[in-house]
Amino acid sequence: MKFSPEVRERAVRMVFEHRGEHESQWAAVVSIAAKIGSTPQTLLNWVRQHERDSGQRAGTTTAEAQRIKDLEREVRELRKANEILKLASAFFAQAELDRRFKS
């Protein structure tokens, strides 16, 4: 099941708001996950990502992960363009050699 960003955000906020009512963060996560129809592990993953994004936990933020993904895509595209240029260069170099020998 796919949850909207609004539902994810509200569920994470509820974990932080109701943490004091439970013996642990995990207990709060389990309780709230049941209410929104999520698995506890999924909600815990959202909570951990929120903590990384807000600087409360070390790790890759959502923005950093997106930037890495964008850069990896750009690298793939540039490698593909380089390969095409190498092939074109070799083709035209061979064509030039063939033209010179025929003269």
C-alpha atoms as a PDB file:
ATOM      1  CA  MET A   1       0.000   0.000   0.000  1.00  0.00           C
ATOM      2  CA  LYS A   2       1.290   3.438  -0.939  1.00  0.00           C
ATOM      3  CA  PHE A   3       0.808   6.211   1.605  1.00  0.00           C
ATOM      4  CA  SER A   4       0.552   9.877   0.663  1.00  0.00           C
ATOM      5  CA  PRO A   5       3.260  12.247   1.901  1.00  0.00           C
ATOM      6  CA  GLU A   6       0.650  13.896   4.135  1.00  0.00           C
ATOM      7  CA  VAL A   7      -0.225  10.606   5.863  1.00  0.00           C
ATOM      8  CA  ARG A   8       3.456   9.752   6.312  1.00  0.00           C
ATOM      9  CA  GLU A   9       4.189  13.200   7.750  1.00  0.00           C
ATOM     10  CA  ARG A  10       1.226  13.041  10.144  1.00  0.00           C
ATOM     11  CA  ALA A  11       2.128   9.526  11.320  1.00  0.00           C
ATOM     12  CA  VAL A  12       5.729  10.565  12.028  1.00  0.00           C
ATOM     13  CA  ARG A  13       4.508  13.655  13.891  1.00  0.00           C
ATOM     14  CA  MET A  14       2.168  11.465  15.960  1.00  0.00           C
ATOM     15  CA  VAL A  15       5.082   9.209  16.970  1.00  0.00           C
ATOM     16  CA  PHE A  16       6.967  12.217  18.347  1.00  0.00           C
ATOM     17  CA  GLU A  17       3.874  13.738  19.979  1.00  0.00           C
ATOM     18  CA  HIS A  18       2.811  10.495  21.714  1.00  0.00           C
ATOM     19  CA  ARG A  19       6.271   9.132  22.550  1.00  0.00           C
ATOM     20  CA  GLY A  20       5.845  10.116  26.215  1.00  0.00           C
ATOM     21  CA  GLU A  21       2.666   8.045  26.527  1.00  0.00           C
ATOM     22  CA  HIS A  22       4.530   4.833  25.665  1.00  0.00           C
ATOM     23  CA  GLU A  23       7.400   2.964  27.289  1.00  0.00           C
ATOM     24  CA  SER A  24       9.587   3.358  24.180  1.00  0.00           C
ATOM     25  CA  GLN A  25       9.646   4.867  20.735  1.00  0.00           C
ATOM     26  CA  TRP A  26       9.059   1.391  19.297  1.00  0.00           C
ATOM     27  CA  ALA A  27       5.885   1.010  21.399  1.00  0.00           C
ATOM     28  CA  ALA A  28       4.634   4.354  20.066  1.00  0.00           C
ATOM     29  CA  VAL A  29       5.469   3.262  16.512  1.00  0.00           C
ATOM     30  CA  VAL A  30       3.604  -0.048  16.919  1.00  0.00           C
ATOM     31  CA  SER A  31       0.544   1.707  18.336  1.00  0.00           C
ATOM     32  CA  ILE A  32       0.374   4.390  15.629  1.00  0.00           C
ATOM     33  CA  ALA A  33       1.185   1.999  12.779  1.00  0.00           C
ATOM     34  CA  ALA A  34      -1.856  -0.067  13.702  1.00  0.00           C
ATOM     35  CA  LYS A  35      -4.038   3.043  13.576  1.00  0.00           C
ATOM     36  CA  ILE A  36      -2.908   4.114  10.087  1.00  0.00           C
ATOM     37  CA  GLY A  37      -2.790   0.622   8.564  1.00  0.00           C
ATOM     38  CA  SER A  38       0.967   0.478   8.191  1.00  0.00           C
ATOM     39  CA  THR A  39       3.493  -2.055   9.393  1.00  0.00           C
ATOM     40  CA  PRO A  40       5.527  -0.900  12.392  1.00  0.00           C
ATOM     41  CA  GLN A  41       8.779  -1.308  10.443  1.00  0.00           C
ATOM     42  CA  THR A  42       7.530   0.955   7.642  1.00  0.00           C
ATOM     43  CA  LEU A  43       6.566   3.665  10.119  1.00  0.00           C
ATOM     44  CA  LEU A  44       9.886   3.260  11.933  1.00  0.00           C
ATOM     45  CA  ASN A  45      11.691   3.749   8.593  1.00  0.00           C
ATOM     46  CA  TRP A  46       9.750   7.006   8.080  1.00  0.00           C
ATOM     47  CA  VAL A  47      10.627   8.147  11.606  1.00  0.00           C
ATOM     48  CA  ARG A  48      14.331   7.357  11.077  1.00  0.00           C
ATOM     49  CA  GLN A  49      14.342   9.227   7.740  1.00  0.00           C
ATOM     50  CA  HIS A  50      12.673  12.223   9.391  1.00  0.00           C
ATOM     51  CA  GLU A  51      15.355  12.145  12.090  1.00  0.00           C
ATOM     52  CA  ARG A  52      18.089  12.119   9.414  1.00  0.00           C
ATOM     53  CA  ASP A  53      16.412  14.934   7.465  1.00  0.00           C
ATOM     54  CA  SER A  54      16.108  17.085  10.589  1.00  0.00           C
ATOM     55  CA  GLY A  55      19.671  16.447  11.743  1.00  0.00           C
ATOM     56  CA  GLN A  56      18.697  14.363  14.785  1.00  0.00           C
ATOM     57  CA  ARG A  57      20.335  11.227  13.340  1.00  0.00           C
ATOM     58  CA  ALA A  58      23.418  10.696  11.208  1.00  0.00           C
ATOM     59  CA  GLY A  59      22.950   9.432   7.665  1.00  0.00           C
ATOM     60  CA  THR A  60      21.904  10.385   4.178  1.00  0.00           C
ATOM     61  CA  THR A  61      19.068  12.904   4.041  1.00  0.00           C
ATOM     62  CA  THR A  62      16.277  12.705   1.493  1.00  0.00           C
ATOM     63  CA  ALA A  63      17.727  15.706  -0.366  1.00  0.00           C
ATOM     64  CA  GLU A  64      21.188  14.121  -0.451  1.00  0.00           C
ATOM     65  CA  ALA A  65      19.769  10.820  -1.679  1.00  0.00           C
ATOM     66  CA  GLN A  66      17.918  12.631  -4.479  1.00  0.00           C
ATOM     67  CA  ARG A  67      21.074  14.545  -5.434  1.00  0.00           C
ATOM     68  CA  ILE A  68      23.067  11.298  -5.547  1.00  0.00           C
ATOM     69  CA  LYS A  69      20.383   9.698  -7.716  1.00  0.00           C
ATOM     70  CA  ASP A  70      20.400  12.705 -10.088  1.00  0.00           C
ATOM     71  CA  LEU A  71      24.204  12.681 -10.313  1.00  0.00           C
ATOM     72  CA  GLU A  72      24.275   8.940 -11.009  1.00  0.00           C
ATOM     73  CA  ARG A  73      21.753   9.440 -13.828  1.00  0.00           C
ATOM     74  CA  GLU A  74      23.878  12.264 -15.257  1.00  0.00           C
ATOM     75  CA  VAL A  75      27.001  10.078 -15.117  1.00  0.00           C
ATOM     76  CA  ARG A  76      25.175   7.288 -17.000  1.00  0.00           C
ATOM     77  CA  GLU A  77      24.030   9.759 -19.667  1.00  0.00           C
ATOM     78  CA  LEU A  78      27.525  11.249 -20.023  1.00  0.00           C
ATOM     79  CA  ARG A  79      29.108   7.805 -20.325  1.00  0.00           C
ATOM     80  CA  LYS A  80      26.608   6.897 -23.023  1.00  0.00           C
ATOM     81  CA  ALA A  81      27.322  10.170 -24.878  1.00  0.00           C
ATOM     82  CA  ASN A  82      31.088   9.546 -24.582  1.00  0.00           C
ATOM     83  CA  GLU A  83      30.687   6.073 -26.058  1.00  0.00           C
ATOM     84  CA  ILE A  84      28.680   7.466 -28.975  1.00  0.00           C
ATOM     85  CA  LEU A  85      31.317  10.155 -29.554  1.00  0.00           C
ATOM     86  CA  LYS A  86      34.133   7.584 -29.482  1.00  0.00           C
ATOM     87  CA  LEU A  87      32.334   5.427 -32.038  1.00  0.00           C
ATOM     88  CA  ALA A  88      31.597   8.432 -34.257  1.00  0.00           C
ATOM     89  CA  SER A  89      35.200   9.601 -34.008  1.00  0.00           C
ATOM     90  CA  ALA A  90      36.513   6.169 -34.985  1.00  0.00           C
ATOM     91  CA  PHE A  91      34.048   5.987 -37.871  1.00  0.00           C
ATOM     92  CA  PHE A  92      35.055   9.403 -39.267  1.00  0.00           C
ATOM     93  CA  ALA A  93      38.764   8.699 -38.746  1.00  0.00           C
ATOM     94  CA  GLN A  94      38.390   5.467 -40.754  1.00  0.00           C
ATOM     95  CA  ALA A  95      36.417   7.272 -43.446  1.00  0.00           C
ATOM     96  CA  GLU A  96      39.181   9.898 -43.718  1.00  0.00           C
ATOM     97  CA  LEU A  97      41.833   7.172 -44.046  1.00  0.00           C
ATOM     98  CA  ASP A  98      39.797   5.405 -46.730  1.00  0.00           C
ATOM     99  CA  ARG A  99      39.377   8.701 -48.645  1.00  0.00           C
ATOM    100  CA  ARG A 100      43.111   9.421 -48.548  1.00  0.00           C
ATOM    101  CA  PHE A 101      44.040   5.963 -49.849  1.00  0.00           C
ATOM    102  CA  LYS A 102      41.567   6.236 -52.734  1.00  0.00           C
ATOM    103  CA  SER A 103      43.052   9.563 -53.903  1.00  0.00           C
END
